[in-house]
Amino acid sequence: METLSVTDLKTKLDSGETLMLVDLQDAANFEHRHIPGAVNIPLDDKCAETCTAVLKDKDATIIVYGEFDELGKGSQATDVLSAAGYTKLIRLTGGLMGWMEAGYAVEGGKAS
């Protein structure tokens, strides 16, 4: 599975590169804080259904992340997305906490 560091993601976002950020947290944690521009697709039994409803372009670059650097969760999400026909899947190393530890902005009700 391809991975991307938080620093490289920040560079891509700052350059305006087209990509989709998928936050795997549950809805409450997503509302609490997430990377700006991310969509919330919790890794649950409706994940594949939600993906096809939200992510229309199966060839888009999709970056998945959870709260922490959760290899198991990231791998499971990319497996679900791959089975649904998505072709460019990347796991963000460090997750949301790595993003925040690097000092990058988050948004949501408890963003700091």
N, C-alpha and C. Protein backbone atom coordinates (compact mmCIF):
# COMPACT_ATOMS: atom_id res chain seq x y z
N MET A 1 0.84 -1.17 0.00
CA MET A 1 0.00 0.00 0.00
C MET A 1 0.89 1.24 0.00
N GLU A 2 0.56 2.18 -0.82
CA GLU A 2 1.33 3.42 -0.89
C GLU A 2 1.03 4.28 0.34
N THR A 3 2.05 4.98 0.82
CA THR A 3 1.88 5.86 1.96
C THR A 3 2.38 7.26 1.62
N LEU A 4 1.98 8.21 2.44
CA LEU A 4 2.35 9.61 2.24
C LEU A 4 2.57 10.22 3.62
N SER A 5 3.63 10.99 3.79
CA SER A 5 3.88 11.65 5.07
C SER A 5 2.99 12.89 5.20
N VAL A 6 2.82 13.36 6.43
CA VAL A 6 2.01 14.57 6.63
C VAL A 6 2.67 15.78 5.96
N THR A 7 3.99 15.83 5.95
CA THR A 7 4.70 16.93 5.30
C THR A 7 4.44 16.93 3.79
N ASP A 8 4.48 15.74 3.18
CA ASP A 8 4.21 15.66 1.74
C ASP A 8 2.75 15.99 1.43
N LEU A 9 1.83 15.58 2.31
CA LEU A 9 0.43 15.94 2.10
C LEU A 9 0.25 17.45 2.16
N LYS A 10 0.87 18.09 3.14
CA LYS A 10 0.77 19.55 3.26
C LYS A 10 1.29 20.22 2.01
N THR A 11 2.40 19.74 1.47
CA THR A 11 2.96 20.30 0.24
C THR A 11 1.98 20.15 -0.92
N LYS A 12 1.37 18.97 -1.04
CA LYS A 12 0.40 18.73 -2.11
C LYS A 12 -0.82 19.64 -1.96
N LEU A 13 -1.32 19.78 -0.75
CA LEU A 13 -2.48 20.65 -0.53
C LEU A 13 -2.14 22.10 -0.83
N ASP A 14 -0.97 22.55 -0.38
CA ASP A 14 -0.56 23.93 -0.62
C ASP A 14 -0.36 24.23 -2.10
N SER A 15 0.02 23.22 -2.87
CA SER A 15 0.24 23.43 -4.30
C SER A 15 -1.06 23.36 -5.10
N GLY A 16 -2.16 22.98 -4.44
CA GLY A 16 -3.44 22.92 -5.12
C GLY A 16 -3.68 21.61 -5.85
N GLU A 17 -2.86 20.62 -5.57
CA GLU A 17 -3.03 19.32 -6.22
C GLU A 17 -4.42 18.76 -5.90
N THR A 18 -5.05 18.18 -6.90
CA THR A 18 -6.38 17.62 -6.73
C THR A 18 -6.29 16.25 -6.09
N LEU A 19 -6.91 16.14 -4.92
CA LEU A 19 -6.97 14.85 -4.23
C LEU A 19 -8.15 14.89 -3.27
N MET A 20 -8.55 13.71 -2.82
CA MET A 20 -9.63 13.58 -1.86
C MET A 20 -9.04 13.08 -0.55
N LEU A 21 -9.38 13.76 0.54
CA LEU A 21 -8.97 13.34 1.87
C LEU A 21 -10.15 12.63 2.52
N VAL A 22 -9.93 11.40 2.95
CA VAL A 22 -10.98 10.62 3.60
C VAL A 22 -10.59 10.37 5.05
N ASP A 23 -11.38 10.92 5.96
CA ASP A 23 -11.18 10.75 7.39
C ASP A 23 -12.01 9.55 7.84
N LEU A 24 -11.35 8.57 8.45
CA LEU A 24 -12.01 7.32 8.84
C LEU A 24 -12.60 7.34 10.25
N GLN A 25 -12.48 8.45 10.94
CA GLN A 25 -13.01 8.53 12.31
C GLN A 25 -14.53 8.44 12.31
N ASP A 26 -15.10 8.13 13.48
CA ASP A 26 -16.56 8.18 13.59
C ASP A 26 -17.00 9.64 13.47
N ALA A 27 -18.28 9.85 13.23
CA ALA A 27 -18.79 11.19 12.96
C ALA A 27 -18.52 12.17 14.10
N ALA A 28 -18.66 11.73 15.34
CA ALA A 28 -18.44 12.63 16.47
C ALA A 28 -17.00 13.12 16.52
N ASN A 29 -16.04 12.22 16.33
CA ASN A 29 -14.64 12.64 16.34
C ASN A 29 -14.30 13.50 15.14
N PHE A 30 -14.89 13.20 13.98
CA PHE A 30 -14.68 14.03 12.80
C PHE A 30 -15.17 15.45 13.07
N GLU A 31 -16.35 15.59 13.66
CA GLU A 31 -16.88 16.92 13.97
C GLU A 31 -16.00 17.65 14.97
N HIS A 32 -15.34 16.90 15.83
CA HIS A 32 -14.44 17.45 16.84
C HIS A 32 -13.24 18.12 16.18
N ARG A 33 -12.58 17.36 15.25
CA ARG A 33 -11.45 17.93 14.51
C ARG A 33 -11.04 16.99 13.38
N HIS A 34 -10.63 17.62 12.28
CA HIS A 34 -10.19 16.88 11.10
C HIS A 34 -9.33 17.80 10.22
N ILE A 35 -8.64 17.20 9.28
CA ILE A 35 -7.82 17.97 8.34
C ILE A 35 -8.76 18.76 7.43
N PRO A 36 -8.49 20.06 7.23
CA PRO A 36 -9.36 20.86 6.37
C PRO A 36 -9.56 20.23 4.99
N GLY A 37 -10.81 20.21 4.56
CA GLY A 37 -11.15 19.68 3.25
C GLY A 37 -11.47 18.19 3.23
N ALA A 38 -11.29 17.52 4.37
CA ALA A 38 -11.54 16.08 4.42
C ALA A 38 -13.04 15.79 4.42
N VAL A 39 -13.39 14.63 3.88
CA VAL A 39 -14.75 14.12 3.98
C VAL A 39 -14.73 12.98 4.98
N ASN A 40 -15.83 12.81 5.68
CA ASN A 40 -15.91 11.78 6.72
C ASN A 40 -16.58 10.53 6.17
N ILE A 41 -15.81 9.46 6.13
CA ILE A 41 -16.34 8.15 5.75
C ILE A 41 -15.87 7.16 6.81
N PRO A 42 -16.67 7.01 7.87
CA PRO A 42 -16.27 6.10 8.95
C PRO A 42 -16.06 4.68 8.43
N LEU A 43 -15.10 4.03 9.00
CA LEU A 43 -14.81 2.64 8.63
C LEU A 43 -15.78 1.75 9.40
N ASP A 44 -16.96 1.57 8.81
CA ASP A 44 -18.00 0.74 9.43
C ASP A 44 -18.64 -0.14 8.36
N ASP A 45 -19.74 -0.78 8.69
CA ASP A 45 -20.36 -1.71 7.74
C ASP A 45 -20.99 -1.02 6.54
N LYS A 46 -21.09 0.31 6.55
CA LYS A 46 -21.64 1.07 5.42
C LYS A 46 -20.56 1.82 4.65
N CYS A 47 -19.31 1.53 4.94
CA CYS A 47 -18.19 2.26 4.35
C CYS A 47 -18.21 2.22 2.82
N ALA A 48 -18.36 1.04 2.23
CA ALA A 48 -18.35 0.93 0.77
C ALA A 48 -19.51 1.70 0.15
N GLU A 49 -20.68 1.61 0.76
CA GLU A 49 -21.86 2.32 0.28
C GLU A 49 -21.65 3.83 0.37
N THR A 50 -21.12 4.30 1.48
CA THR A 50 -20.85 5.72 1.66
C THR A 50 -19.81 6.20 0.65
N CYS A 51 -18.78 5.40 0.43
CA CYS A 51 -17.73 5.77 -0.53
C CYS A 51 -18.32 6.03 -1.92
N THR A 52 -19.13 5.10 -2.40
CA THR A 52 -19.66 5.27 -3.74
C THR A 52 -20.62 6.45 -3.83
N ALA A 53 -21.26 6.80 -2.72
CA ALA A 53 -22.16 7.96 -2.72
C ALA A 53 -21.37 9.28 -2.67
N VAL A 54 -20.25 9.28 -1.96
CA VAL A 54 -19.48 10.52 -1.75
C VAL A 54 -18.36 10.70 -2.76
N LEU A 55 -17.66 9.63 -3.08
CA LEU A 55 -16.48 9.70 -3.96
C LEU A 55 -16.87 9.23 -5.36
N LYS A 56 -17.26 10.16 -6.19
CA LYS A 56 -17.77 9.83 -7.52
C LYS A 56 -16.68 9.39 -8.50
N ASP A 57 -15.47 9.98 -8.41
CA ASP A 57 -14.39 9.69 -9.36
C ASP A 57 -13.55 8.53 -8.86
N LYS A 58 -13.70 7.38 -9.48
CA LYS A 58 -12.98 6.18 -9.04
C LYS A 58 -11.48 6.26 -9.34
N ASP A 59 -11.06 7.21 -10.18
CA ASP A 59 -9.65 7.37 -10.52
C ASP A 59 -8.99 8.54 -9.79
N ALA A 60 -9.72 9.18 -8.88
CA ALA A 60 -9.15 10.29 -8.11
C ALA A 60 -8.10 9.75 -7.13
N THR A 61 -7.15 10.61 -6.78
CA THR A 61 -6.19 10.26 -5.74
C THR A 61 -6.89 10.42 -4.40
N ILE A 62 -6.94 9.33 -3.63
CA ILE A 62 -7.65 9.33 -2.36
C ILE A 62 -6.65 9.03 -1.24
N ILE A 63 -6.57 9.97 -0.28
CA ILE A 63 -5.70 9.83 0.88
C ILE A 63 -6.59 9.46 2.06
N VAL A 64 -6.33 8.33 2.70
CA VAL A 64 -7.13 7.92 3.86
C VAL A 64 -6.31 8.09 5.13
N TYR A 65 -7.00 8.50 6.19
CA TYR A 65 -6.32 8.62 7.49
C TYR A 65 -7.32 8.43 8.62
N GLY A 66 -6.79 8.02 9.76
CA GLY A 66 -7.54 7.93 11.00
C GLY A 66 -6.96 8.90 12.01
N GLU A 67 -7.35 8.74 13.25
CA GLU A 67 -6.85 9.65 14.27
C GLU A 67 -5.35 9.46 14.49
N PHE A 68 -4.92 8.21 14.50
CA PHE A 68 -3.52 7.89 14.69
C PHE A 68 -3.01 7.21 13.42
N ASP A 69 -1.77 6.79 13.42
CA ASP A 69 -1.21 6.06 12.29
C ASP A 69 -1.62 4.60 12.41
N GLU A 70 -2.85 4.34 12.03
CA GLU A 70 -3.45 3.02 12.23
C GLU A 70 -3.31 2.19 10.96
N LEU A 71 -2.24 1.42 10.91
CA LEU A 71 -1.99 0.61 9.72
C LEU A 71 -3.15 -0.32 9.44
N GLY A 72 -3.68 -0.97 10.47
CA GLY A 72 -4.78 -1.90 10.26
C GLY A 72 -6.01 -1.21 9.70
N LYS A 73 -6.37 -0.07 10.27
CA LYS A 73 -7.54 0.67 9.81
C LYS A 73 -7.32 1.21 8.40
N GLY A 74 -6.13 1.75 8.13
CA GLY A 74 -5.83 2.27 6.80
C GLY A 74 -5.84 1.17 5.75
N SER A 75 -5.28 0.01 6.11
CA SER A 75 -5.27 -1.12 5.19
C SER A 75 -6.68 -1.62 4.91
N GLN A 76 -7.48 -1.70 5.97
CA GLN A 76 -8.86 -2.15 5.80
C GLN A 76 -9.64 -1.19 4.91
N ALA A 77 -9.45 0.11 5.12
CA ALA A 77 -10.14 1.11 4.30
C ALA A 77 -9.71 1.02 2.84
N THR A 78 -8.41 0.87 2.60
CA THR A 78 -7.97 0.78 1.20
C THR A 78 -8.47 -0.51 0.57
N ASP A 79 -8.59 -1.59 1.35
CA ASP A 79 -9.17 -2.83 0.82
C ASP A 79 -10.62 -2.61 0.40
N VAL A 80 -11.39 -1.93 1.25
CA VAL A 80 -12.80 -1.66 0.95
C VAL A 80 -12.92 -0.78 -0.29
N LEU A 81 -12.11 0.27 -0.34
CA LEU A 81 -12.16 1.18 -1.49
C LEU A 81 -11.70 0.51 -2.78
N SER A 82 -10.66 -0.28 -2.68
CA SER A 82 -10.16 -1.00 -3.85
C SER A 82 -11.23 -1.96 -4.38
N ALA A 83 -11.89 -2.68 -3.49
CA ALA A 83 -12.96 -3.60 -3.91
C ALA A 83 -14.12 -2.85 -4.55
N ALA A 84 -14.29 -1.58 -4.17
CA ALA A 84 -15.37 -0.76 -4.75
C ALA A 84 -14.94 -0.12 -6.07
N GLY A 85 -13.68 -0.35 -6.50
CA GLY A 85 -13.24 0.12 -7.81
C GLY A 85 -12.35 1.34 -7.81
N TYR A 86 -11.95 1.84 -6.64
CA TYR A 86 -11.06 3.00 -6.59
C TYR A 86 -9.63 2.55 -6.85
N THR A 87 -8.90 3.34 -7.63
CA THR A 87 -7.61 2.89 -8.14
C THR A 87 -6.38 3.56 -7.53
N LYS A 88 -6.51 4.78 -7.00
CA LYS A 88 -5.35 5.52 -6.48
C LYS A 88 -5.54 5.79 -5.00
N LEU A 89 -5.12 4.83 -4.18
CA LEU A 89 -5.35 4.89 -2.74
C LEU A 89 -4.03 5.02 -2.00
N ILE A 90 -3.98 5.96 -1.06
CA ILE A 90 -2.77 6.24 -0.30
C ILE A 90 -3.14 6.40 1.17
N ARG A 91 -2.33 5.81 2.05
CA ARG A 91 -2.54 5.95 3.50
C ARG A 91 -1.62 7.04 4.03
N LEU A 92 -2.19 7.95 4.81
CA LEU A 92 -1.41 9.03 5.43
C LEU A 92 -0.71 8.48 6.66
N THR A 93 0.61 8.50 6.66
CA THR A 93 1.35 8.05 7.84
C THR A 93 1.25 9.13 8.92
N GLY A 94 1.06 8.69 10.13
CA GLY A 94 0.94 9.63 11.24
C GLY A 94 -0.50 9.98 11.57
N GLY A 95 -1.39 9.86 10.59
CA GLY A 95 -2.79 10.17 10.81
C GLY A 95 -3.01 11.60 11.25
N LEU A 96 -4.19 11.84 11.80
CA LEU A 96 -4.55 13.19 12.25
C LEU A 96 -3.60 13.69 13.34
N MET A 97 -3.21 12.81 14.25
CA MET A 97 -2.31 13.25 15.32
C MET A 97 -0.95 13.65 14.78
N GLY A 98 -0.44 12.94 13.78
CA GLY A 98 0.81 13.32 13.15
C GLY A 98 0.70 14.67 12.46
N TRP A 99 -0.45 14.91 11.84
CA TRP A 99 -0.74 16.19 11.18
C TRP A 99 -0.69 17.31 12.20
N MET A 100 -1.36 17.10 13.33
CA MET A 100 -1.41 18.13 14.37
C MET A 100 -0.05 18.32 15.03
N GLU A 101 0.68 17.23 15.26
CA GLU A 101 2.01 17.33 15.87
C GLU A 101 2.97 18.11 14.99
N ALA A 102 2.73 18.08 13.68
CA ALA A 102 3.56 18.86 12.76
C ALA A 102 3.18 20.34 12.77
N GLY A 103 2.10 20.68 13.49
CA GLY A 103 1.70 22.08 13.62
C GLY A 103 0.73 22.55 12.54
N TYR A 104 0.17 21.63 11.79
CA TYR A 104 -0.74 22.00 10.71
C TYR A 104 -2.16 22.19 11.25
N ALA A 105 -2.90 23.05 10.58
CA ALA A 105 -4.24 23.43 11.03
C ALA A 105 -5.25 22.29 10.88
N VAL A 106 -6.20 22.28 11.79
CA VAL A 106 -7.35 21.39 11.71
C VAL A 106 -8.60 22.25 11.78
N GLU A 107 -9.73 21.64 11.42
CA GLU A 107 -10.99 22.35 11.56
C GLU A 107 -11.98 21.45 12.29
N GLY A 108 -13.01 22.05 12.80
CA GLY A 108 -14.03 21.33 13.55
C GLY A 108 -14.36 22.06 14.83
N GLY A 109 -15.27 21.50 15.60
CA GLY A 109 -15.76 22.15 16.82
C GLY A 109 -14.70 22.36 17.89
N LYS A 110 -13.69 21.50 17.94
CA LYS A 110 -12.65 21.61 18.96
C LYS A 110 -11.28 21.83 18.34
N ALA A 111 -11.25 22.37 17.14
CA ALA A 111 -9.97 22.62 16.46
C ALA A 111 -9.16 23.63 17.27
N SER A 112 -7.87 23.32 17.37
CA SER A 112 -7.00 24.25 18.10
C SER A 112 -5.69 24.40 17.35
